[in-house]
Every structure is written in C-alpha cells, then in structure tokens.
Amino acid sequence: MNKVITISRQYASGGREVGEKIANEYGIPFYDRALITRAAKESGFSEAAFDNAEMKATNSLLYSIAMGMNAYGSPDVGYTQMSLDDRIYIAQSEVIRKVADEGPCVIVGRCADYILRERTDVVNIFIWASNEFRARRAIEDYGADPKKIDDILIRMDKRRANYYNYHANEKWGKVTNYHLAIQSDYKGIDKTVEVIKEFLDSVS
C-alpha cells in the first residue's frame, strides 16, 4: 500500500472503526485523536482548543460569524489577525500534511481530503449508513439518549458538514469529493473493510 487514505463519515456510521481496521490490515499509521494530540504538541495550542473548534460548528451562520467569515482565506489578513479557530485549523492542516509526507496512513475526518487535494497519492473515502444503523450504534456504543437520538444524528452530521463546508469551501458528502462512497450497514463493517481493501489494492 503506497497511498494516503482519508475517511470522511456520517456520525455513528462506523467510519472510524473501518479506518482503524484498514490501517491494521496494511500495517500503516492511523490518525484520528492522535492527530489532535500531535497538532497540540507542535502548535502549542491545547487539545481542548482543537475540540472546541469542532464543537462550535453546529449552526452554520453563527459559525461563520464567530470564525470571522473565513478570514484566513483573504491575503489581506495576517496570521495574528485570524480567529483562534482559524489558527487552530491551520496548525491541524500542517500536521496533516506532515503525516502524509511521512508515508502511507489512514486519516479520519478533519478536512484531510481537502487539505491533501493537490497530492496524487491520496484516496478519499466517504462512509455512510442508514439512520436505523447509526441510531443503534450511537445508543449502544456512545451512550446516546434513545429519546433524543433523531436530533443527535441531525446535529452531529450538521456539525461535521458546517466544519467541512466552511474550511474546505466544498460541500461535505458531495460525491465528486471522494473516490469511493460506501454504505457500511449494507453488508456490515467487516465486509465494508474488505470491499475498500479490494478497491485500494486495485489502485495502488
């Protein structure tokens, strides 16, 4: 395997589990929480600051206002004038580029597909699943409140979409942003991993 694999996913679709299993199959590094830990260490920001930046992205309008209307995209705005969240995103982007430079790996979320869009050795995958499957996983694995599960699924997907749409200037989940989109509950997590591995082997 000579590819960097990015995985975007719906909340509770099993995307993180799929990514970790793929990394284990190929014996390559897996970056999810470890990415934040490394970015915090190298940037001097706390891990909580990275978490808070992602937590804010529930309301798209309020998020854009709070983030300064994508200030870092303007050549007239210096680094010190950017919002804290913009600087955190830049720090995280730098780490994503570094781990990609270090060799094949699996990176989950955090706009990695967009950040690495200029590279030719990247395969972008989107994992989705039915609401019934995601609700069950969220309740059983994450301890989500069954009475609020419908709202939780909507809110968490919206948060991921807003974060991606804002930073990437692209649409989260748009099929043309990915090389492969797969429904994880169609044949189950392990079969999903098997199909993705076959795909990766065919393009390596």
N, C-alpha and C. Protein backbone atom coordinates (compact mmCIF):
# COMPACT_ATOMS: atom_id res chain seq x y z
N MET A 1 0.85 -1.20 0.00
CA MET A 1 0.00 0.00 0.00
C MET A 1 0.88 1.24 0.00
N ASN A 2 0.70 2.07 -1.02
CA ASN A 2 1.51 3.30 -1.14
C ASN A 2 0.63 4.54 -1.19
N LYS A 3 -0.54 4.46 -0.56
CA LYS A 3 -1.49 5.56 -0.60
C LYS A 3 -1.75 6.14 0.79
N VAL A 4 -2.11 7.41 0.78
CA VAL A 4 -2.66 8.05 1.97
C VAL A 4 -4.18 7.96 1.83
N ILE A 5 -4.84 7.43 2.84
CA ILE A 5 -6.28 7.20 2.78
C ILE A 5 -6.98 8.16 3.73
N THR A 6 -7.90 8.95 3.20
CA THR A 6 -8.70 9.82 4.08
C THR A 6 -10.11 9.25 4.15
N ILE A 7 -10.68 9.33 5.33
CA ILE A 7 -12.03 8.82 5.53
C ILE A 7 -12.91 9.91 6.13
N SER A 8 -13.93 10.30 5.40
CA SER A 8 -14.99 11.17 5.90
C SER A 8 -16.18 10.27 6.20
N ARG A 9 -16.98 10.66 7.19
CA ARG A 9 -18.07 9.74 7.55
C ARG A 9 -19.20 10.44 8.25
N GLN A 10 -20.39 9.87 8.09
CA GLN A 10 -21.53 10.29 8.87
C GLN A 10 -21.32 9.86 10.32
N TYR A 11 -21.93 10.60 11.23
CA TYR A 11 -21.85 10.25 12.64
C TYR A 11 -22.42 8.86 12.88
N ALA A 12 -21.66 8.05 13.64
CA ALA A 12 -22.08 6.70 14.06
C ALA A 12 -22.24 5.73 12.90
N SER A 13 -21.62 6.02 11.77
CA SER A 13 -21.68 5.12 10.62
C SER A 13 -20.63 4.01 10.70
N GLY A 14 -19.73 4.11 11.67
CA GLY A 14 -18.66 3.13 11.79
C GLY A 14 -17.42 3.51 11.01
N GLY A 15 -17.34 4.74 10.53
CA GLY A 15 -16.21 5.17 9.72
C GLY A 15 -14.88 5.09 10.44
N ARG A 16 -14.87 5.46 11.72
CA ARG A 16 -13.62 5.39 12.48
C ARG A 16 -13.17 3.93 12.62
N GLU A 17 -14.10 3.05 12.94
CA GLU A 17 -13.77 1.63 13.07
C GLU A 17 -13.27 1.06 11.76
N VAL A 18 -13.92 1.42 10.67
CA VAL A 18 -13.48 0.98 9.34
C VAL A 18 -12.06 1.46 9.07
N GLY A 19 -11.80 2.74 9.35
CA GLY A 19 -10.47 3.29 9.11
C GLY A 19 -9.40 2.60 9.92
N GLU A 20 -9.69 2.32 11.18
CA GLU A 20 -8.70 1.66 12.03
C GLU A 20 -8.42 0.24 11.55
N LYS A 21 -9.46 -0.45 11.10
CA LYS A 21 -9.26 -1.82 10.60
C LYS A 21 -8.46 -1.82 9.30
N ILE A 22 -8.69 -0.84 8.46
CA ILE A 22 -7.93 -0.74 7.21
C ILE A 22 -6.45 -0.48 7.52
N ALA A 23 -6.20 0.43 8.46
CA ALA A 23 -4.83 0.72 8.86
C ALA A 23 -4.15 -0.55 9.40
N ASN A 24 -4.87 -1.33 10.18
CA ASN A 24 -4.31 -2.57 10.72
C ASN A 24 -4.04 -3.59 9.62
N GLU A 25 -4.93 -3.63 8.62
CA GLU A 25 -4.75 -4.56 7.51
C GLU A 25 -3.44 -4.30 6.78
N TYR A 26 -3.10 -3.02 6.62
CA TYR A 26 -1.90 -2.67 5.87
C TYR A 26 -0.69 -2.38 6.77
N GLY A 27 -0.91 -2.36 8.07
CA GLY A 27 0.19 -2.08 8.98
C GLY A 27 0.71 -0.65 8.85
N ILE A 28 -0.21 0.30 8.66
CA ILE A 28 0.18 1.70 8.48
C ILE A 28 -0.43 2.53 9.61
N PRO A 29 0.10 3.73 9.86
CA PRO A 29 -0.42 4.57 10.95
C PRO A 29 -1.87 4.96 10.75
N PHE A 30 -2.56 5.09 11.88
CA PHE A 30 -3.96 5.52 11.90
C PHE A 30 -4.05 6.81 12.68
N TYR A 31 -4.63 7.85 12.06
CA TYR A 31 -4.72 9.15 12.70
C TYR A 31 -6.17 9.59 12.87
N ASP A 32 -6.57 9.71 14.10
CA ASP A 32 -7.85 10.30 14.46
C ASP A 32 -7.57 11.22 15.63
N ARG A 33 -7.75 10.73 16.84
CA ARG A 33 -7.43 11.53 18.02
C ARG A 33 -5.93 11.84 18.09
N ALA A 34 -5.11 10.92 17.60
CA ALA A 34 -3.67 11.12 17.64
C ALA A 34 -3.25 12.36 16.86
N LEU A 35 -4.05 12.71 15.85
CA LEU A 35 -3.76 13.90 15.05
C LEU A 35 -3.88 15.17 15.90
N ILE A 36 -4.91 15.21 16.72
CA ILE A 36 -5.10 16.37 17.59
C ILE A 36 -3.97 16.45 18.62
N THR A 37 -3.62 15.30 19.17
CA THR A 37 -2.54 15.27 20.17
C THR A 37 -1.24 15.81 19.57
N ARG A 38 -0.94 15.38 18.36
CA ARG A 38 0.30 15.84 17.71
C ARG A 38 0.21 17.31 17.34
N ALA A 39 -0.94 17.73 16.82
CA ALA A 39 -1.10 19.13 16.44
C ALA A 39 -0.99 20.04 17.66
N ALA A 40 -1.55 19.60 18.77
CA ALA A 40 -1.47 20.39 20.00
C ALA A 40 -0.03 20.50 20.47
N LYS A 41 0.69 19.42 20.41
CA LYS A 41 2.08 19.40 20.85
C LYS A 41 2.96 20.30 19.99
N GLU A 42 2.75 20.26 18.68
CA GLU A 42 3.60 21.02 17.76
C GLU A 42 3.22 22.49 17.66
N SER A 43 1.95 22.80 17.94
CA SER A 43 1.48 24.18 17.79
C SER A 43 1.50 24.98 19.09
N GLY A 44 1.44 24.27 20.21
CA GLY A 44 1.36 24.96 21.48
C GLY A 44 -0.07 25.19 21.95
N PHE A 45 -1.05 24.93 21.08
CA PHE A 45 -2.46 25.02 21.49
C PHE A 45 -2.82 23.78 22.31
N SER A 46 -3.80 23.92 23.17
CA SER A 46 -4.24 22.77 23.97
C SER A 46 -5.12 21.86 23.12
N GLU A 47 -5.21 20.59 23.52
CA GLU A 47 -6.09 19.67 22.83
C GLU A 47 -7.54 20.13 22.96
N ALA A 48 -7.87 20.73 24.08
CA ALA A 48 -9.23 21.23 24.29
C ALA A 48 -9.58 22.30 23.28
N ALA A 49 -8.59 23.10 22.88
CA ALA A 49 -8.84 24.16 21.89
C ALA A 49 -9.24 23.56 20.55
N PHE A 50 -8.61 22.45 20.18
CA PHE A 50 -8.96 21.77 18.93
C PHE A 50 -10.37 21.19 19.02
N ASP A 51 -10.69 20.60 20.17
CA ASP A 51 -12.02 20.03 20.36
C ASP A 51 -13.08 21.13 20.30
N ASN A 52 -12.82 22.24 20.95
CA ASN A 52 -13.79 23.34 20.98
C ASN A 52 -14.04 23.91 19.58
N ALA A 53 -12.99 23.95 18.76
CA ALA A 53 -13.14 24.48 17.41
C ALA A 53 -14.12 23.65 16.61
N GLU A 54 -14.09 22.33 16.79
CA GLU A 54 -15.02 21.46 16.07
C GLU A 54 -16.42 21.50 16.68
N MET A 55 -16.49 21.69 18.00
CA MET A 55 -17.78 21.70 18.68
C MET A 55 -18.63 22.91 18.29
N LYS A 56 -18.00 23.98 17.85
CA LYS A 56 -18.73 25.21 17.53
C LYS A 56 -19.55 25.12 16.25
N ALA A 57 -19.27 24.15 15.43
CA ALA A 57 -19.80 24.15 14.07
C ALA A 57 -21.21 23.58 13.93
N THR A 58 -22.07 23.81 14.89
CA THR A 58 -23.43 23.29 14.80
C THR A 58 -24.33 24.19 13.97
N ASN A 59 -24.21 25.49 14.13
CA ASN A 59 -25.02 26.46 13.38
C ASN A 59 -24.14 27.14 12.35
N SER A 60 -24.47 26.97 11.07
CA SER A 60 -23.60 27.45 10.00
C SER A 60 -23.45 28.97 10.01
N LEU A 61 -24.54 29.71 10.25
CA LEU A 61 -24.47 31.16 10.24
C LEU A 61 -23.65 31.68 11.41
N LEU A 62 -23.96 31.19 12.60
CA LEU A 62 -23.23 31.62 13.78
C LEU A 62 -21.77 31.22 13.69
N TYR A 63 -21.52 30.04 13.09
CA TYR A 63 -20.14 29.57 12.95
C TYR A 63 -19.35 30.51 12.05
N SER A 64 -19.93 30.91 10.93
CA SER A 64 -19.25 31.81 10.00
C SER A 64 -18.95 33.15 10.66
N ILE A 65 -19.91 33.66 11.44
CA ILE A 65 -19.71 34.93 12.13
C ILE A 65 -18.59 34.79 13.16
N ALA A 66 -18.67 33.71 13.95
CA ALA A 66 -17.68 33.50 15.01
C ALA A 66 -16.28 33.31 14.45
N MET A 67 -16.19 32.73 13.29
CA MET A 67 -14.89 32.44 12.68
C MET A 67 -14.37 33.60 11.84
N GLY A 68 -15.09 34.68 11.77
CA GLY A 68 -14.59 35.84 11.03
C GLY A 68 -14.77 35.72 9.54
N MET A 69 -15.80 34.98 9.11
CA MET A 69 -16.10 34.87 7.67
C MET A 69 -14.90 34.41 6.86
N ASN A 70 -14.29 33.32 7.34
CA ASN A 70 -13.19 32.70 6.60
C ASN A 70 -12.03 33.66 6.37
N ALA A 71 -11.62 34.30 7.44
CA ALA A 71 -10.61 35.35 7.35
C ALA A 71 -9.29 34.88 6.78
N TYR A 72 -8.93 33.61 7.08
CA TYR A 72 -7.61 33.16 6.63
C TYR A 72 -7.53 32.98 5.12
N GLY A 73 -8.70 33.04 4.46
CA GLY A 73 -8.68 32.92 3.00
C GLY A 73 -8.37 34.23 2.31
N SER A 74 -8.29 35.31 3.07
CA SER A 74 -8.02 36.62 2.47
C SER A 74 -6.54 36.97 2.60
N PRO A 75 -5.88 37.36 1.51
CA PRO A 75 -4.47 37.72 1.57
C PRO A 75 -4.21 38.97 2.39
N ASP A 76 -5.25 39.73 2.71
CA ASP A 76 -5.09 40.96 3.46
C ASP A 76 -5.10 40.75 4.97
N VAL A 77 -5.37 39.51 5.39
CA VAL A 77 -5.46 39.22 6.81
C VAL A 77 -4.24 38.44 7.25
N GLY A 78 -3.48 38.99 8.21
CA GLY A 78 -2.30 38.31 8.70
C GLY A 78 -2.65 37.25 9.70
N TYR A 79 -1.68 36.37 9.99
CA TYR A 79 -1.92 35.25 10.89
C TYR A 79 -2.40 35.72 12.25
N THR A 80 -1.79 36.77 12.78
CA THR A 80 -2.14 37.25 14.12
C THR A 80 -3.53 37.88 14.17
N GLN A 81 -4.08 38.24 13.00
CA GLN A 81 -5.41 38.83 12.95
C GLN A 81 -6.50 37.78 12.78
N MET A 82 -6.10 36.55 12.52
CA MET A 82 -7.08 35.47 12.34
C MET A 82 -7.71 35.10 13.67
N SER A 83 -8.89 34.51 13.60
CA SER A 83 -9.52 34.00 14.81
C SER A 83 -8.70 32.83 15.35
N LEU A 84 -8.88 32.54 16.62
CA LEU A 84 -8.19 31.40 17.24
C LEU A 84 -8.51 30.12 16.50
N ASP A 85 -9.78 29.94 16.13
CA ASP A 85 -10.18 28.72 15.45
C ASP A 85 -9.53 28.58 14.08
N ASP A 86 -9.35 29.70 13.38
CA ASP A 86 -8.67 29.66 12.09
C ASP A 86 -7.22 29.21 12.27
N ARG A 87 -6.56 29.76 13.29
CA ARG A 87 -5.17 29.39 13.54
C ARG A 87 -5.05 27.92 13.94
N ILE A 88 -6.03 27.45 14.69
CA ILE A 88 -6.05 26.04 15.07
C ILE A 88 -6.21 25.16 13.83
N TYR A 89 -7.09 25.57 12.92
CA TYR A 89 -7.28 24.81 11.68
C TYR A 89 -5.99 24.76 10.87
N ILE A 90 -5.28 25.88 10.78
CA ILE A 90 -4.01 25.93 10.06
C ILE A 90 -2.99 25.00 10.70
N ALA A 91 -2.92 25.02 12.03
CA ALA A 91 -1.98 24.15 12.74
C ALA A 91 -2.30 22.68 12.47
N GLN A 92 -3.58 22.35 12.48
CA GLN A 92 -4.00 20.98 12.21
C GLN A 92 -3.70 20.59 10.77
N SER A 93 -3.89 21.51 9.83
CA SER A 93 -3.60 21.26 8.42
C SER A 93 -2.13 20.96 8.21
N GLU A 94 -1.28 21.69 8.91
CA GLU A 94 0.16 21.48 8.78
C GLU A 94 0.55 20.07 9.24
N VAL A 95 -0.06 19.62 10.31
CA VAL A 95 0.23 18.28 10.80
C VAL A 95 -0.29 17.22 9.83
N ILE A 96 -1.46 17.45 9.26
CA ILE A 96 -2.00 16.50 8.28
C ILE A 96 -1.04 16.38 7.09
N ARG A 97 -0.51 17.48 6.61
CA ARG A 97 0.45 17.44 5.50
C ARG A 97 1.73 16.71 5.91
N LYS A 98 2.16 16.91 7.15
CA LYS A 98 3.37 16.24 7.63
C LYS A 98 3.19 14.73 7.68
N VAL A 99 2.09 14.26 8.23
CA VAL A 99 1.91 12.81 8.34
C VAL A 99 1.75 12.19 6.96
N ALA A 100 1.16 12.94 6.02
CA ALA A 100 1.04 12.44 4.65
C ALA A 100 2.42 12.35 4.00
N ASP A 101 3.28 13.33 4.30
CA ASP A 101 4.65 13.31 3.76
C ASP A 101 5.45 12.14 4.33
N GLU A 102 5.09 11.70 5.52
CA GLU A 102 5.84 10.62 6.18
C GLU A 102 5.54 9.26 5.58
N GLY A 103 4.46 9.15 4.80
CA GLY A 103 4.17 7.88 4.14
C GLY A 103 2.72 7.46 4.24
N PRO A 104 2.41 6.27 3.75
CA PRO A 104 1.03 5.78 3.76
C PRO A 104 0.43 5.80 5.16
N CYS A 105 -0.82 6.17 5.26
CA CYS A 105 -1.51 6.23 6.54
C CYS A 105 -3.01 6.36 6.29
N VAL A 106 -3.79 6.26 7.35
CA VAL A 106 -5.22 6.49 7.28
C VAL A 106 -5.54 7.69 8.17
N ILE A 107 -6.23 8.69 7.61
CA ILE A 107 -6.59 9.90 8.35
C ILE A 107 -8.11 10.01 8.35
N VAL A 108 -8.69 10.11 9.54
CA VAL A 108 -10.14 10.20 9.67
C VAL A 108 -10.56 11.65 9.90
N GLY A 109 -11.45 12.15 9.03
CA GLY A 109 -12.06 13.45 9.21
C GLY A 109 -11.12 14.63 9.08
N ARG A 110 -11.53 15.77 9.67
CA ARG A 110 -10.73 16.99 9.78
C ARG A 110 -10.32 17.57 8.43
N CYS A 111 -11.19 17.43 7.45
CA CYS A 111 -10.98 18.02 6.11
C CYS A 111 -9.72 17.51 5.42
N ALA A 112 -9.24 16.34 5.81
CA ALA A 112 -7.99 15.83 5.26
C ALA A 112 -8.04 15.68 3.75
N ASP A 113 -9.21 15.26 3.22
CA ASP A 113 -9.31 15.09 1.77
C ASP A 113 -9.10 16.42 1.05
N TYR A 114 -9.62 17.50 1.62
CA TYR A 114 -9.46 18.83 1.02
C TYR A 114 -8.04 19.36 1.22
N ILE A 115 -7.51 19.19 2.39
CA ILE A 115 -6.16 19.67 2.70
C ILE A 115 -5.12 19.02 1.79
N LEU A 116 -5.34 17.75 1.46
CA LEU A 116 -4.37 17.00 0.64
C LEU A 116 -4.80 16.91 -0.82
N ARG A 117 -5.67 17.80 -1.25
CA ARG A 117 -6.28 17.69 -2.58
C ARG A 117 -5.28 17.79 -3.72
N GLU A 118 -4.12 18.40 -3.50
CA GLU A 118 -3.14 18.56 -4.57
C GLU A 118 -2.26 17.32 -4.75
N ARG A 119 -2.32 16.41 -3.82
CA ARG A 119 -1.47 15.21 -3.89
C ARG A 119 -2.10 14.17 -4.80
N THR A 120 -1.25 13.38 -5.43
CA THR A 120 -1.74 12.34 -6.34
C THR A 120 -1.75 10.96 -5.69
N ASP A 121 -1.27 10.88 -4.44
CA ASP A 121 -1.19 9.58 -3.76
C ASP A 121 -2.26 9.43 -2.68
N VAL A 122 -3.35 10.16 -2.82
CA VAL A 122 -4.41 10.15 -1.81
C VAL A 122 -5.68 9.50 -2.37
N VAL A 123 -6.31 8.66 -1.55
CA VAL A 123 -7.60 8.07 -1.89
C VAL A 123 -8.60 8.54 -0.84
N ASN A 124 -9.67 9.19 -1.29
CA ASN A 124 -10.67 9.76 -0.40
C ASN A 124 -11.92 8.88 -0.37
N ILE A 125 -12.33 8.52 0.84
CA ILE A 125 -13.46 7.60 1.02
C ILE A 125 -14.51 8.24 1.92
N PHE A 126 -15.77 8.04 1.58
CA PHE A 126 -16.87 8.53 2.42
C PHE A 126 -17.71 7.34 2.89
N ILE A 127 -17.91 7.26 4.21
CA ILE A 127 -18.68 6.18 4.81
C ILE A 127 -20.03 6.73 5.28
N TRP A 128 -21.11 6.05 4.88
CA TRP A 128 -22.44 6.45 5.33
C TRP A 128 -23.24 5.21 5.70
N ALA A 129 -24.37 5.44 6.35
CA ALA A 129 -25.19 4.31 6.77
C ALA A 129 -26.62 4.79 7.01
N SER A 130 -27.53 3.82 7.13
CA SER A 130 -28.93 4.16 7.39
C SER A 130 -29.06 4.77 8.78
N ASN A 131 -30.11 5.57 8.96
CA ASN A 131 -30.35 6.18 10.28
C ASN A 131 -30.60 5.13 11.36
N GLU A 132 -31.25 4.04 10.99
CA GLU A 132 -31.52 2.99 11.96
C GLU A 132 -30.22 2.39 12.49
N PHE A 133 -29.30 2.11 11.60
CA PHE A 133 -28.00 1.54 11.97
C PHE A 133 -27.22 2.54 12.83
N ARG A 134 -27.21 3.79 12.41
CA ARG A 134 -26.45 4.81 13.14
C ARG A 134 -27.06 5.07 14.52
N ALA A 135 -28.37 5.06 14.59
CA ALA A 135 -29.03 5.26 15.88
C ALA A 135 -28.67 4.15 16.86
N ARG A 136 -28.69 2.93 16.37
CA ARG A 136 -28.36 1.79 17.22
C ARG A 136 -26.92 1.87 17.72
N ARG A 137 -25.99 2.21 16.82
CA ARG A 137 -24.58 2.33 17.22
C ARG A 137 -24.39 3.48 18.21
N ALA A 138 -25.04 4.59 17.96
CA ALA A 138 -24.88 5.75 18.84
C ALA A 138 -25.39 5.44 20.25
N ILE A 139 -26.49 4.72 20.33
CA ILE A 139 -27.06 4.37 21.64
C ILE A 139 -26.21 3.32 22.34
N GLU A 140 -25.82 2.27 21.60
CA GLU A 140 -25.10 1.16 22.22
C GLU A 140 -23.62 1.48 22.47
N ASP A 141 -22.98 2.18 21.53
CA ASP A 141 -21.54 2.41 21.63
C ASP A 141 -21.18 3.74 22.28
N TYR A 142 -22.01 4.76 22.06
CA TYR A 142 -21.68 6.10 22.57
C TYR A 142 -22.54 6.53 23.74
N GLY A 143 -23.51 5.70 24.10
CA GLY A 143 -24.38 6.04 25.22
C GLY A 143 -25.35 7.17 24.94
N ALA A 144 -25.71 7.37 23.68
CA ALA A 144 -26.64 8.44 23.31
C ALA A 144 -28.03 8.16 23.89
N ASP A 145 -28.75 9.21 24.19
CA ASP A 145 -30.10 9.12 24.75
C ASP A 145 -31.07 8.66 23.65
N PRO A 146 -31.70 7.50 23.82
CA PRO A 146 -32.62 6.99 22.79
C PRO A 146 -33.75 7.96 22.47
N LYS A 147 -34.18 8.75 23.47
CA LYS A 147 -35.28 9.67 23.25
C LYS A 147 -34.86 10.87 22.40
N LYS A 148 -33.57 11.12 22.31
CA LYS A 148 -33.08 12.28 21.57
C LYS A 148 -32.26 11.89 20.34
N ILE A 149 -32.28 10.60 20.02
CA ILE A 149 -31.34 10.11 19.01
C ILE A 149 -31.54 10.75 17.64
N ASP A 150 -32.77 11.00 17.24
CA ASP A 150 -33.00 11.61 15.93
C ASP A 150 -32.36 12.99 15.85
N ASP A 151 -32.53 13.77 16.90
CA ASP A 151 -31.93 15.11 16.94
C ASP A 151 -30.41 15.03 17.01
N ILE A 152 -29.90 14.03 17.72
CA ILE A 152 -28.45 13.87 17.85
C ILE A 152 -27.82 13.57 16.49
N LEU A 153 -28.44 12.68 15.72
CA LEU A 153 -27.90 12.35 14.39
C LEU A 153 -27.87 13.58 13.50
N ILE A 154 -28.95 14.35 13.52
CA ILE A 154 -29.03 15.55 12.69
C ILE A 154 -27.98 16.56 13.13
N ARG A 155 -27.87 16.78 14.44
CA ARG A 155 -26.95 17.78 14.96
C ARG A 155 -25.48 17.42 14.68
N MET A 156 -25.14 16.17 14.87
CA MET A 156 -23.75 15.76 14.67
C MET A 156 -23.35 15.80 13.20
N ASP A 157 -24.26 15.38 12.32
CA ASP A 157 -23.96 15.47 10.88
C ASP A 157 -23.86 16.92 10.45
N LYS A 158 -24.72 17.76 11.01
CA LYS A 158 -24.69 19.19 10.67
C LYS A 158 -23.38 19.81 11.12
N ARG A 159 -22.91 19.42 12.29
CA ARG A 159 -21.65 19.94 12.80
C ARG A 159 -20.51 19.58 11.86
N ARG A 160 -20.46 18.34 11.42
CA ARG A 160 -19.40 17.92 10.51
C ARG A 160 -19.52 18.63 9.16
N ALA A 161 -20.74 18.76 8.68
CA ALA A 161 -20.95 19.43 7.40
C ALA A 161 -20.53 20.89 7.47
N ASN A 162 -20.93 21.59 8.53
CA ASN A 162 -20.60 23.01 8.66
C ASN A 162 -19.09 23.22 8.77
N TYR A 163 -18.45 22.38 9.56
CA TYR A 163 -16.99 22.49 9.74
C TYR A 163 -16.29 22.29 8.40
N TYR A 164 -16.71 21.27 7.66
CA TYR A 164 -16.09 20.98 6.36
C TYR A 164 -16.42 22.06 5.34
N ASN A 165 -17.69 22.41 5.24
CA ASN A 165 -18.11 23.39 4.23
C ASN A 165 -17.43 24.73 4.44
N TYR A 166 -17.23 25.10 5.70
CA TYR A 166 -16.59 26.38 6.00
C TYR A 166 -15.10 26.35 5.64
N HIS A 167 -14.39 25.36 6.16
CA HIS A 167 -12.94 25.33 5.97
C HIS A 167 -12.54 24.91 4.56
N ALA A 168 -13.28 23.99 3.99
CA ALA A 168 -12.89 23.45 2.68
C ALA A 168 -13.49 24.22 1.52
N ASN A 169 -14.48 25.07 1.82
CA ASN A 169 -15.18 25.73 0.73
C ASN A 169 -15.73 24.72 -0.27
N GLU A 170 -16.08 23.57 0.24
CA GLU A 170 -16.68 22.49 -0.54
C GLU A 170 -17.90 21.98 0.22
N LYS A 171 -18.62 21.06 -0.37
CA LYS A 171 -19.82 20.51 0.29
C LYS A 171 -19.51 19.12 0.85
N TRP A 172 -19.65 18.99 2.16
CA TRP A 172 -19.42 17.72 2.83
C TRP A 172 -20.38 16.66 2.29
N GLY A 173 -19.84 15.50 1.95
CA GLY A 173 -20.67 14.42 1.45
C GLY A 173 -20.93 14.46 -0.05
N LYS A 174 -20.46 15.50 -0.72
CA LYS A 174 -20.66 15.60 -2.17
C LYS A 174 -19.85 14.51 -2.86
N VAL A 175 -20.51 13.74 -3.69
CA VAL A 175 -19.90 12.52 -4.24
C VAL A 175 -18.62 12.81 -5.02
N THR A 176 -18.54 13.97 -5.69
CA THR A 176 -17.36 14.26 -6.50
C THR A 176 -16.12 14.58 -5.67
N ASN A 177 -16.27 14.70 -4.36
CA ASN A 177 -15.11 14.95 -3.50
C ASN A 177 -14.39 13.67 -3.10
N TYR A 178 -14.98 12.52 -3.46
CA TYR A 178 -14.45 11.25 -2.98
C TYR A 178 -14.24 10.27 -4.13
N HIS A 179 -13.30 9.36 -3.93
CA HIS A 179 -13.07 8.31 -4.93
C HIS A 179 -14.00 7.13 -4.72
N LEU A 180 -14.47 6.97 -3.48
CA LEU A 180 -15.35 5.85 -3.17
C LEU A 180 -16.27 6.24 -2.02
N ALA A 181 -17.57 5.99 -2.19
CA ALA A 181 -18.55 6.16 -1.11
C ALA A 181 -19.21 4.80 -0.90
N ILE A 182 -19.34 4.40 0.36
CA ILE A 182 -19.85 3.07 0.63
C ILE A 182 -20.76 3.08 1.87
N GLN A 183 -21.84 2.30 1.80
CA GLN A 183 -22.80 2.19 2.89
C GLN A 183 -22.35 1.08 3.84
N SER A 184 -21.96 1.46 5.04
CA SER A 184 -21.33 0.50 5.95
C SER A 184 -22.28 -0.56 6.50
N ASP A 185 -23.58 -0.29 6.52
CA ASP A 185 -24.51 -1.28 7.07
C ASP A 185 -25.13 -2.17 6.00
N TYR A 186 -24.74 -1.99 4.75
CA TYR A 186 -25.32 -2.80 3.69
C TYR A 186 -24.94 -4.27 3.87
N LYS A 187 -23.65 -4.51 4.13
CA LYS A 187 -23.19 -5.87 4.40
C LYS A 187 -22.40 -5.95 5.71
N GLY A 188 -22.34 -4.85 6.44
CA GLY A 188 -21.65 -4.86 7.73
C GLY A 188 -20.26 -4.25 7.66
N ILE A 189 -19.70 -3.95 8.83
CA ILE A 189 -18.42 -3.27 8.94
C ILE A 189 -17.29 -4.08 8.31
N ASP A 190 -17.20 -5.36 8.65
CA ASP A 190 -16.09 -6.18 8.14
C ASP A 190 -16.13 -6.31 6.63
N LYS A 191 -17.33 -6.47 6.06
CA LYS A 191 -17.45 -6.56 4.61
C LYS A 191 -17.09 -5.23 3.96
N THR A 192 -17.44 -4.14 4.63
CA THR A 192 -17.09 -2.81 4.13
C THR A 192 -15.58 -2.67 4.05
N VAL A 193 -14.89 -3.12 5.10
CA VAL A 193 -13.43 -3.08 5.11
C VAL A 193 -12.87 -3.92 3.96
N GLU A 194 -13.45 -5.08 3.76
CA GLU A 194 -12.99 -5.98 2.69
C GLU A 194 -13.14 -5.33 1.32
N VAL A 195 -14.29 -4.70 1.08
CA VAL A 195 -14.54 -4.06 -0.22
C VAL A 195 -13.58 -2.88 -0.43
N ILE A 196 -13.38 -2.08 0.60
CA ILE A 196 -12.46 -0.94 0.49
C ILE A 196 -11.04 -1.43 0.23
N LYS A 197 -10.64 -2.49 0.89
CA LYS A 197 -9.30 -3.04 0.68
C LYS A 197 -9.13 -3.51 -0.76
N GLU A 198 -10.14 -4.16 -1.30
CA GLU A 198 -10.07 -4.59 -2.70
C GLU A 198 -9.92 -3.39 -3.62
N PHE A 199 -10.66 -2.34 -3.33
CA PHE A 199 -10.57 -1.11 -4.12
C PHE A 199 -9.18 -0.50 -4.02
N LEU A 200 -8.65 -0.41 -2.81
CA LEU A 200 -7.34 0.18 -2.61
C LEU A 200 -6.25 -0.63 -3.31
N ASP A 201 -6.36 -1.95 -3.23
CA ASP A 201 -5.38 -2.80 -3.89
C ASP A 201 -5.41 -2.61 -5.41
N SER A 202 -6.58 -2.29 -5.93
CA SER A 202 -6.71 -2.13 -7.37
C SER A 202 -6.13 -0.81 -7.89
N VAL A 203 -5.96 0.15 -6.98
CA VAL A 203 -5.45 1.46 -7.41
C VAL A 203 -4.05 1.74 -6.88
N SER A 204 -3.48 0.81 -6.12
CA SER A 204 -2.15 1.03 -5.53
C SER A 204 -1.07 0.79 -6.57
